[in-house]
Amino acid sequence: MHGPDLLVDAFDRIRERVHATVGGLTPSQLAYRADPDANSIAWLVWHLTRVQDDHIADLAGIDQVWTSGPWAHRFDLPFPPSATGYGHSSADVAAVVVTDPELLTGYFDATHEITEGFLRELDDETLDRVVDESWDPPVTMGVRLVSVIGDNYQHVGQAAFLRGIVTRLGIA
């Protein structure tokens, strides 16, 4: 198996977890925060998707799904279109209000489609290409993609944990 095939598998597994975590939740469950400064399921899934969208678009040299499609408009968030959630305040997290879980999964799926198409065109040599020389050692495309996978897994795991809490608490 080649590196790009492993990456496709990893991103497919993230997609499965996003759908399993978000599917069937109510707006109040998506908005639940374990304490006033904690992240919500809606924010976590929006953020992990924004990070994937931002980083893949940068690597592929294409426009982000968020701004090139209907997503920024449909979410109607009070942030600049370039916002990915990095550095967001508690108030910013609270501003990510999603009334339909399919909005989150729709944006994720549109981003995932671009990600998978991009990955399927890569080869092992391309993964070794340096994409960021501001780090020591410089970051290769493969390392950047693994970083996105790690970030996405972390956040979808946090969202799944919150789903368990809202289910056990009986939050409707």
N, C-alpha and C. Protein backbone atom coordinates (compact mmCIF):
# COMPACT_ATOMS: atom_id res chain seq x y z
N MET A 1 0.85 -1.18 0.00
CA MET A 1 0.00 0.00 0.00
C MET A 1 0.90 1.24 0.00
N HIS A 2 0.51 2.22 -0.80
CA HIS A 2 1.28 3.45 -0.91
C HIS A 2 0.75 4.48 0.10
N GLY A 3 1.61 5.44 0.41
CA GLY A 3 1.26 6.49 1.36
C GLY A 3 -0.07 7.17 1.09
N PRO A 4 -0.34 7.59 -0.16
CA PRO A 4 -1.62 8.24 -0.42
C PRO A 4 -2.82 7.34 -0.10
N ASP A 5 -2.69 6.05 -0.32
CA ASP A 5 -3.79 5.13 0.00
C ASP A 5 -4.04 5.09 1.51
N LEU A 6 -2.98 5.12 2.29
CA LEU A 6 -3.13 5.15 3.75
C LEU A 6 -3.82 6.44 4.20
N LEU A 7 -3.46 7.54 3.56
CA LEU A 7 -4.06 8.83 3.90
C LEU A 7 -5.55 8.85 3.56
N VAL A 8 -5.91 8.30 2.40
CA VAL A 8 -7.32 8.22 2.02
C VAL A 8 -8.07 7.42 3.07
N ASP A 9 -7.52 6.30 3.51
CA ASP A 9 -8.17 5.48 4.52
C ASP A 9 -8.36 6.26 5.83
N ALA A 10 -7.34 6.99 6.24
CA ALA A 10 -7.44 7.77 7.48
C ALA A 10 -8.53 8.83 7.38
N PHE A 11 -8.57 9.56 6.27
CA PHE A 11 -9.60 10.59 6.10
C PHE A 11 -10.99 9.97 5.98
N ASP A 12 -11.10 8.79 5.37
CA ASP A 12 -12.40 8.09 5.31
C ASP A 12 -12.88 7.74 6.71
N ARG A 13 -11.97 7.33 7.57
CA ARG A 13 -12.35 6.98 8.94
C ARG A 13 -12.82 8.22 9.72
N ILE A 14 -12.21 9.35 9.46
CA ILE A 14 -12.66 10.60 10.09
C ILE A 14 -14.09 10.89 9.64
N ARG A 15 -14.34 10.73 8.35
CA ARG A 15 -15.69 10.96 7.82
C ARG A 15 -16.71 10.06 8.54
N GLU A 16 -16.39 8.80 8.69
CA GLU A 16 -17.29 7.87 9.38
C GLU A 16 -17.59 8.36 10.80
N ARG A 17 -16.55 8.82 11.51
CA ARG A 17 -16.73 9.27 12.89
C ARG A 17 -17.55 10.56 12.95
N VAL A 18 -17.34 11.46 12.00
CA VAL A 18 -18.12 12.71 11.97
C VAL A 18 -19.60 12.37 11.82
N HIS A 19 -19.92 11.50 10.87
CA HIS A 19 -21.32 11.14 10.65
C HIS A 19 -21.92 10.43 11.86
N ALA A 20 -21.16 9.51 12.45
CA ALA A 20 -21.66 8.79 13.61
C ALA A 20 -21.86 9.71 14.81
N THR A 21 -21.05 10.73 14.91
CA THR A 21 -21.12 11.66 16.03
C THR A 21 -22.24 12.67 15.88
N VAL A 22 -22.43 13.19 14.70
CA VAL A 22 -23.37 14.29 14.48
C VAL A 22 -24.78 13.81 14.13
N GLY A 23 -24.86 12.69 13.47
CA GLY A 23 -26.15 12.23 12.95
C GLY A 23 -27.24 12.15 13.99
N GLY A 24 -28.39 12.75 13.68
CA GLY A 24 -29.56 12.66 14.53
C GLY A 24 -29.59 13.58 15.74
N LEU A 25 -28.58 14.41 15.91
CA LEU A 25 -28.57 15.31 17.07
C LEU A 25 -29.50 16.51 16.85
N THR A 26 -30.01 17.02 17.95
CA THR A 26 -30.86 18.21 17.93
C THR A 26 -29.97 19.46 18.01
N PRO A 27 -30.54 20.63 17.71
CA PRO A 27 -29.77 21.86 17.86
C PRO A 27 -29.22 22.05 19.27
N SER A 28 -30.00 21.72 20.30
CA SER A 28 -29.50 21.90 21.67
C SER A 28 -28.39 20.90 21.99
N GLN A 29 -28.45 19.71 21.44
CA GLN A 29 -27.36 18.75 21.64
C GLN A 29 -26.09 19.21 20.92
N LEU A 30 -26.25 19.74 19.72
CA LEU A 30 -25.09 20.25 18.99
C LEU A 30 -24.44 21.43 19.70
N ALA A 31 -25.26 22.20 20.41
CA ALA A 31 -24.78 23.41 21.10
C ALA A 31 -24.30 23.16 22.52
N TYR A 32 -24.53 21.95 23.05
CA TYR A 32 -24.18 21.67 24.44
C TYR A 32 -22.70 21.91 24.70
N ARG A 33 -22.42 22.57 25.84
CA ARG A 33 -21.04 22.80 26.28
C ARG A 33 -20.93 22.31 27.71
N ALA A 34 -19.93 21.49 27.99
CA ALA A 34 -19.77 20.88 29.31
C ALA A 34 -19.56 21.91 30.41
N ASP A 35 -19.03 23.06 30.06
CA ASP A 35 -18.98 24.22 30.96
C ASP A 35 -19.00 25.46 30.08
N PRO A 36 -19.14 26.64 30.66
CA PRO A 36 -19.33 27.84 29.85
C PRO A 36 -18.19 28.15 28.87
N ASP A 37 -17.00 27.63 29.10
CA ASP A 37 -15.89 27.91 28.20
C ASP A 37 -15.49 26.71 27.34
N ALA A 38 -16.25 25.62 27.41
CA ALA A 38 -15.93 24.42 26.64
C ALA A 38 -16.44 24.55 25.20
N ASN A 39 -15.90 23.72 24.33
CA ASN A 39 -16.34 23.68 22.94
C ASN A 39 -17.61 22.85 22.82
N SER A 40 -18.41 23.17 21.84
CA SER A 40 -19.63 22.40 21.55
C SER A 40 -19.34 21.42 20.42
N ILE A 41 -20.24 20.48 20.23
CA ILE A 41 -20.12 19.55 19.11
C ILE A 41 -20.14 20.32 17.80
N ALA A 42 -21.06 21.27 17.68
CA ALA A 42 -21.16 22.06 16.44
C ALA A 42 -19.85 22.77 16.15
N TRP A 43 -19.28 23.43 17.16
CA TRP A 43 -18.02 24.15 16.93
C TRP A 43 -16.90 23.18 16.58
N LEU A 44 -16.79 22.07 17.30
CA LEU A 44 -15.71 21.11 17.05
C LEU A 44 -15.74 20.57 15.62
N VAL A 45 -16.92 20.20 15.16
CA VAL A 45 -17.02 19.63 13.81
C VAL A 45 -16.83 20.72 12.76
N TRP A 46 -17.39 21.91 12.99
CA TRP A 46 -17.15 23.02 12.07
C TRP A 46 -15.65 23.32 12.00
N HIS A 47 -14.99 23.40 13.14
CA HIS A 47 -13.56 23.72 13.20
C HIS A 47 -12.71 22.65 12.52
N LEU A 48 -12.95 21.39 12.81
CA LEU A 48 -12.12 20.35 12.20
C LEU A 48 -12.29 20.35 10.68
N THR A 49 -13.49 20.67 10.24
CA THR A 49 -13.73 20.74 8.80
C THR A 49 -13.06 21.96 8.20
N ARG A 50 -13.12 23.08 8.89
CA ARG A 50 -12.45 24.30 8.40
C ARG A 50 -10.94 24.07 8.30
N VAL A 51 -10.35 23.40 9.29
CA VAL A 51 -8.91 23.14 9.24
C VAL A 51 -8.58 22.25 8.05
N GLN A 52 -9.35 21.17 7.88
CA GLN A 52 -9.10 20.29 6.73
C GLN A 52 -9.25 21.06 5.42
N ASP A 53 -10.32 21.82 5.29
CA ASP A 53 -10.59 22.60 4.09
C ASP A 53 -9.46 23.58 3.81
N ASP A 54 -9.06 24.32 4.82
CA ASP A 54 -8.00 25.33 4.69
C ASP A 54 -6.67 24.69 4.26
N HIS A 55 -6.29 23.63 4.94
CA HIS A 55 -4.98 23.03 4.67
C HIS A 55 -4.93 22.29 3.34
N ILE A 56 -6.00 21.58 3.00
CA ILE A 56 -6.02 20.87 1.71
C ILE A 56 -6.04 21.87 0.57
N ALA A 57 -6.85 22.91 0.68
CA ALA A 57 -6.89 23.93 -0.36
C ALA A 57 -5.51 24.55 -0.56
N ASP A 58 -4.81 24.83 0.54
CA ASP A 58 -3.47 25.39 0.45
C ASP A 58 -2.51 24.43 -0.26
N LEU A 59 -2.54 23.17 0.12
CA LEU A 59 -1.65 22.18 -0.49
C LEU A 59 -1.97 21.97 -1.97
N ALA A 60 -3.26 21.97 -2.29
CA ALA A 60 -3.68 21.71 -3.67
C ALA A 60 -3.64 22.96 -4.55
N GLY A 61 -3.50 24.13 -3.93
CA GLY A 61 -3.50 25.37 -4.70
C GLY A 61 -4.87 25.69 -5.27
N ILE A 62 -5.92 25.41 -4.50
CA ILE A 62 -7.29 25.65 -4.95
C ILE A 62 -8.03 26.50 -3.92
N ASP A 63 -9.23 26.95 -4.30
CA ASP A 63 -10.07 27.70 -3.36
C ASP A 63 -10.66 26.75 -2.32
N GLN A 64 -10.90 27.28 -1.15
CA GLN A 64 -11.53 26.50 -0.09
C GLN A 64 -13.00 26.23 -0.43
N VAL A 65 -13.47 25.08 -0.03
CA VAL A 65 -14.88 24.72 -0.19
C VAL A 65 -15.76 25.74 0.54
N TRP A 66 -15.30 26.18 1.70
CA TRP A 66 -16.04 27.12 2.55
C TRP A 66 -16.42 28.38 1.79
N THR A 67 -15.49 28.92 1.02
CA THR A 67 -15.73 30.20 0.35
C THR A 67 -16.13 30.04 -1.11
N SER A 68 -15.78 28.93 -1.74
CA SER A 68 -16.11 28.75 -3.15
C SER A 68 -17.50 28.15 -3.34
N GLY A 69 -18.04 27.55 -2.30
CA GLY A 69 -19.39 26.97 -2.35
C GLY A 69 -20.34 27.78 -1.49
N PRO A 70 -21.48 27.20 -1.16
CA PRO A 70 -22.50 27.94 -0.41
C PRO A 70 -22.30 27.93 1.10
N TRP A 71 -21.23 27.29 1.59
CA TRP A 71 -21.13 26.97 3.01
C TRP A 71 -21.01 28.18 3.92
N ALA A 72 -20.15 29.12 3.60
CA ALA A 72 -20.01 30.31 4.46
C ALA A 72 -21.34 31.04 4.55
N HIS A 73 -22.02 31.14 3.45
CA HIS A 73 -23.33 31.81 3.43
C HIS A 73 -24.36 31.01 4.23
N ARG A 74 -24.39 29.71 4.04
CA ARG A 74 -25.40 28.88 4.73
C ARG A 74 -25.19 28.86 6.24
N PHE A 75 -23.94 28.84 6.69
CA PHE A 75 -23.68 28.85 8.13
C PHE A 75 -23.94 30.23 8.72
N ASP A 76 -23.68 31.28 7.95
CA ASP A 76 -23.94 32.67 8.36
C ASP A 76 -23.33 32.99 9.73
N LEU A 77 -22.05 32.71 9.86
CA LEU A 77 -21.36 32.96 11.13
C LEU A 77 -20.79 34.38 11.16
N PRO A 78 -20.63 34.94 12.35
CA PRO A 78 -20.16 36.32 12.47
C PRO A 78 -18.63 36.44 12.45
N PHE A 79 -17.99 35.67 11.58
CA PHE A 79 -16.53 35.69 11.48
C PHE A 79 -16.14 36.01 10.05
N PRO A 80 -14.91 36.48 9.86
CA PRO A 80 -14.44 36.64 8.48
C PRO A 80 -14.40 35.27 7.79
N PRO A 81 -14.55 35.23 6.48
CA PRO A 81 -14.55 33.96 5.76
C PRO A 81 -13.26 33.14 5.96
N SER A 82 -12.19 33.79 6.33
CA SER A 82 -10.92 33.09 6.53
C SER A 82 -10.83 32.38 7.88
N ALA A 83 -11.77 32.63 8.78
CA ALA A 83 -11.71 32.05 10.13
C ALA A 83 -11.81 30.53 10.07
N THR A 84 -10.96 29.88 10.86
CA THR A 84 -10.98 28.42 10.96
C THR A 84 -11.30 27.95 12.38
N GLY A 85 -11.40 28.88 13.29
CA GLY A 85 -11.64 28.54 14.69
C GLY A 85 -10.40 28.64 15.54
N TYR A 86 -9.24 28.72 14.92
CA TYR A 86 -7.99 28.85 15.67
C TYR A 86 -8.02 30.17 16.44
N GLY A 87 -7.81 30.09 17.77
CA GLY A 87 -7.79 31.28 18.60
C GLY A 87 -9.17 31.80 18.97
N HIS A 88 -10.20 31.03 18.71
CA HIS A 88 -11.55 31.50 19.04
C HIS A 88 -11.75 31.62 20.54
N SER A 89 -12.51 32.63 20.91
CA SER A 89 -12.89 32.86 22.30
C SER A 89 -14.13 32.02 22.64
N SER A 90 -14.48 32.02 23.90
CA SER A 90 -15.69 31.33 24.34
C SER A 90 -16.92 31.89 23.62
N ALA A 91 -16.96 33.19 23.45
CA ALA A 91 -18.09 33.81 22.74
C ALA A 91 -18.13 33.38 21.28
N ASP A 92 -16.97 33.24 20.66
CA ASP A 92 -16.91 32.77 19.27
C ASP A 92 -17.45 31.35 19.17
N VAL A 93 -17.06 30.50 20.12
CA VAL A 93 -17.56 29.12 20.12
C VAL A 93 -19.08 29.12 20.23
N ALA A 94 -19.61 29.95 21.10
CA ALA A 94 -21.07 30.03 21.28
C ALA A 94 -21.77 30.53 20.03
N ALA A 95 -21.08 31.28 19.20
CA ALA A 95 -21.68 31.84 17.99
C ALA A 95 -21.87 30.80 16.88
N VAL A 96 -21.23 29.66 17.02
CA VAL A 96 -21.41 28.60 16.01
C VAL A 96 -22.67 27.83 16.38
N VAL A 97 -23.78 28.30 15.82
CA VAL A 97 -25.09 27.71 16.08
C VAL A 97 -25.52 26.98 14.81
N VAL A 98 -25.83 25.70 14.98
CA VAL A 98 -26.25 24.87 13.85
C VAL A 98 -27.59 24.26 14.20
N THR A 99 -28.60 24.53 13.38
CA THR A 99 -29.95 24.03 13.66
C THR A 99 -30.23 22.69 12.99
N ASP A 100 -29.33 22.24 12.12
CA ASP A 100 -29.53 20.98 11.41
C ASP A 100 -28.19 20.25 11.30
N PRO A 101 -28.09 19.04 11.84
CA PRO A 101 -26.83 18.32 11.75
C PRO A 101 -26.37 18.09 10.30
N GLU A 102 -27.31 18.07 9.38
CA GLU A 102 -26.95 17.86 7.98
C GLU A 102 -26.16 19.04 7.39
N LEU A 103 -26.27 20.20 8.00
CA LEU A 103 -25.44 21.33 7.56
C LEU A 103 -23.97 21.01 7.85
N LEU A 104 -23.70 20.50 9.05
CA LEU A 104 -22.33 20.12 9.40
C LEU A 104 -21.81 18.99 8.53
N THR A 105 -22.60 17.93 8.38
CA THR A 105 -22.14 16.79 7.58
C THR A 105 -22.06 17.15 6.10
N GLY A 106 -22.94 18.03 5.63
CA GLY A 106 -22.87 18.46 4.24
C GLY A 106 -21.58 19.18 3.92
N TYR A 107 -21.22 20.13 4.79
CA TYR A 107 -19.95 20.85 4.59
C TYR A 107 -18.78 19.89 4.73
N PHE A 108 -18.84 19.01 5.72
CA PHE A 108 -17.75 18.05 5.87
C PHE A 108 -17.64 17.18 4.63
N ASP A 109 -18.75 16.66 4.13
CA ASP A 109 -18.70 15.78 2.95
C ASP A 109 -18.16 16.49 1.72
N ALA A 110 -18.55 17.75 1.53
CA ALA A 110 -18.03 18.51 0.39
C ALA A 110 -16.52 18.69 0.51
N THR A 111 -16.05 18.94 1.72
CA THR A 111 -14.60 19.07 1.96
C THR A 111 -13.91 17.73 1.78
N HIS A 112 -14.52 16.68 2.31
CA HIS A 112 -13.94 15.34 2.20
C HIS A 112 -13.79 14.92 0.72
N GLU A 113 -14.77 15.25 -0.09
CA GLU A 113 -14.70 14.91 -1.52
C GLU A 113 -13.47 15.55 -2.18
N ILE A 114 -13.24 16.81 -1.87
CA ILE A 114 -12.06 17.51 -2.42
C ILE A 114 -10.78 16.87 -1.86
N THR A 115 -10.77 16.58 -0.56
CA THR A 115 -9.60 15.97 0.07
C THR A 115 -9.28 14.64 -0.59
N GLU A 116 -10.28 13.79 -0.74
CA GLU A 116 -10.03 12.47 -1.31
C GLU A 116 -9.55 12.57 -2.76
N GLY A 117 -10.16 13.44 -3.54
CA GLY A 117 -9.71 13.63 -4.92
C GLY A 117 -8.26 14.09 -4.99
N PHE A 118 -7.90 15.01 -4.11
CA PHE A 118 -6.52 15.50 -4.06
C PHE A 118 -5.56 14.37 -3.68
N LEU A 119 -5.91 13.61 -2.65
CA LEU A 119 -5.03 12.53 -2.19
C LEU A 119 -4.84 11.46 -3.25
N ARG A 120 -5.86 11.15 -3.99
CA ARG A 120 -5.78 10.09 -5.01
C ARG A 120 -4.85 10.47 -6.16
N GLU A 121 -4.54 11.75 -6.29
CA GLU A 121 -3.62 12.19 -7.35
C GLU A 121 -2.18 12.27 -6.87
N LEU A 122 -1.93 12.03 -5.60
CA LEU A 122 -0.57 12.11 -5.05
C LEU A 122 0.18 10.81 -5.28
N ASP A 123 1.49 10.91 -5.16
CA ASP A 123 2.33 9.71 -5.13
C ASP A 123 3.30 9.86 -3.96
N ASP A 124 4.03 8.81 -3.67
CA ASP A 124 4.92 8.83 -2.52
C ASP A 124 5.96 9.96 -2.61
N GLU A 125 6.44 10.23 -3.80
CA GLU A 125 7.44 11.30 -3.97
C GLU A 125 6.85 12.66 -3.61
N THR A 126 5.62 12.91 -4.01
CA THR A 126 4.98 14.19 -3.74
C THR A 126 4.83 14.41 -2.23
N LEU A 127 4.61 13.33 -1.50
CA LEU A 127 4.47 13.46 -0.05
C LEU A 127 5.75 13.96 0.61
N ASP A 128 6.89 13.77 -0.05
CA ASP A 128 8.17 14.23 0.49
C ASP A 128 8.48 15.69 0.15
N ARG A 129 7.64 16.32 -0.67
CA ARG A 129 7.87 17.72 -1.07
C ARG A 129 7.70 18.64 0.13
N VAL A 130 8.66 19.54 0.34
CA VAL A 130 8.58 20.52 1.43
C VAL A 130 7.53 21.56 1.08
N VAL A 131 6.62 21.79 2.03
CA VAL A 131 5.53 22.76 1.82
C VAL A 131 5.61 23.94 2.78
N ASP A 132 6.48 23.84 3.79
CA ASP A 132 6.59 24.93 4.77
C ASP A 132 8.01 24.92 5.35
N GLU A 133 8.79 25.92 4.95
CA GLU A 133 10.17 25.99 5.41
C GLU A 133 10.33 26.82 6.68
N SER A 134 9.24 27.30 7.24
CA SER A 134 9.34 28.12 8.45
C SER A 134 9.57 27.28 9.70
N TRP A 135 9.54 25.97 9.59
CA TRP A 135 9.76 25.06 10.71
C TRP A 135 11.12 24.40 10.57
N ASP A 136 11.66 23.93 11.68
CA ASP A 136 12.92 23.20 11.67
C ASP A 136 12.68 21.84 12.34
N PRO A 137 12.64 20.77 11.61
CA PRO A 137 12.89 20.66 10.17
C PRO A 137 11.70 21.16 9.34
N PRO A 138 11.95 21.48 8.08
CA PRO A 138 10.86 21.92 7.21
C PRO A 138 9.76 20.86 7.12
N VAL A 139 8.55 21.33 6.91
CA VAL A 139 7.38 20.44 6.87
C VAL A 139 7.14 19.96 5.44
N THR A 140 7.01 18.64 5.31
CA THR A 140 6.68 18.05 4.01
C THR A 140 5.16 17.95 3.87
N MET A 141 4.73 17.68 2.64
CA MET A 141 3.31 17.51 2.41
C MET A 141 2.77 16.35 3.25
N GLY A 142 3.50 15.26 3.30
CA GLY A 142 3.06 14.12 4.09
C GLY A 142 2.90 14.46 5.56
N VAL A 143 3.85 15.18 6.11
CA VAL A 143 3.77 15.58 7.53
C VAL A 143 2.59 16.52 7.74
N ARG A 144 2.35 17.45 6.83
CA ARG A 144 1.21 18.37 6.96
C ARG A 144 -0.10 17.59 6.94
N LEU A 145 -0.21 16.61 6.06
CA LEU A 145 -1.43 15.81 5.99
C LEU A 145 -1.64 14.98 7.25
N VAL A 146 -0.57 14.42 7.79
CA VAL A 146 -0.68 13.67 9.04
C VAL A 146 -1.09 14.61 10.18
N SER A 147 -0.61 15.84 10.15
CA SER A 147 -1.00 16.83 11.15
C SER A 147 -2.50 17.12 11.08
N VAL A 148 -3.03 17.26 9.88
CA VAL A 148 -4.47 17.49 9.72
C VAL A 148 -5.25 16.28 10.23
N ILE A 149 -4.79 15.09 9.91
CA ILE A 149 -5.45 13.88 10.39
C ILE A 149 -5.46 13.85 11.91
N GLY A 150 -4.33 14.14 12.52
CA GLY A 150 -4.25 14.16 13.98
C GLY A 150 -5.19 15.16 14.60
N ASP A 151 -5.24 16.36 14.05
CA ASP A 151 -6.13 17.41 14.54
C ASP A 151 -7.59 16.98 14.39
N ASN A 152 -7.92 16.44 13.23
CA ASN A 152 -9.29 16.00 12.98
C ASN A 152 -9.71 14.88 13.92
N TYR A 153 -8.84 13.89 14.12
CA TYR A 153 -9.17 12.80 15.05
C TYR A 153 -9.36 13.32 16.47
N GLN A 154 -8.51 14.23 16.89
CA GLN A 154 -8.64 14.78 18.23
C GLN A 154 -10.00 15.45 18.41
N HIS A 155 -10.38 16.28 17.45
CA HIS A 155 -11.63 17.02 17.59
C HIS A 155 -12.87 16.16 17.40
N VAL A 156 -12.82 15.20 16.49
CA VAL A 156 -13.99 14.33 16.35
C VAL A 156 -14.12 13.44 17.58
N GLY A 157 -13.02 13.08 18.21
CA GLY A 157 -13.08 12.32 19.46
C GLY A 157 -13.70 13.14 20.58
N GLN A 158 -13.33 14.41 20.64
CA GLN A 158 -13.94 15.30 21.64
C GLN A 158 -15.44 15.44 21.39
N ALA A 159 -15.82 15.58 20.13
CA ALA A 159 -17.24 15.71 19.80
C ALA A 159 -18.00 14.42 20.14
N ALA A 160 -17.39 13.27 19.88
CA ALA A 160 -18.03 11.99 20.22
C ALA A 160 -18.20 11.85 21.73
N PHE A 161 -17.21 12.30 22.48
CA PHE A 161 -17.32 12.28 23.94
C PHE A 161 -18.51 13.14 24.39
N LEU A 162 -18.63 14.32 23.81
CA LEU A 162 -19.76 15.19 24.15
C LEU A 162 -21.09 14.57 23.75
N ARG A 163 -21.12 13.87 22.63
CA ARG A 163 -22.35 13.17 22.25
C ARG A 163 -22.74 12.18 23.34
N GLY A 164 -21.76 11.45 23.87
CA GLY A 164 -22.04 10.52 24.96
C GLY A 164 -22.59 11.23 26.18
N ILE A 165 -22.05 12.40 26.49
CA ILE A 165 -22.53 13.15 27.65
C ILE A 165 -23.98 13.59 27.43
N VAL A 166 -24.29 14.19 26.26
CA VAL A 166 -25.65 14.68 26.04
C VAL A 166 -26.64 13.53 26.02
N THR A 167 -26.22 12.38 25.53
CA THR A 167 -27.09 11.21 25.51
C THR A 167 -27.36 10.72 26.92
N ARG A 168 -26.31 10.60 27.72
CA ARG A 168 -26.48 10.13 29.11
C ARG A 168 -27.26 11.10 29.97
N LEU A 169 -27.09 12.40 29.71
CA LEU A 169 -27.82 13.41 30.48
C LEU A 169 -29.27 13.55 30.00
N GLY A 170 -29.57 12.97 28.86
CA GLY A 170 -30.93 13.08 28.33
C GLY A 170 -31.27 14.44 27.76
N ILE A 171 -30.25 15.17 27.33
CA ILE A 171 -30.49 16.49 26.74
C ILE A 171 -31.16 16.29 25.40
N ALA A 172 -32.25 16.97 25.22
CA ALA A 172 -33.00 16.82 23.97
C ALA A 172 -32.66 17.94 23.07
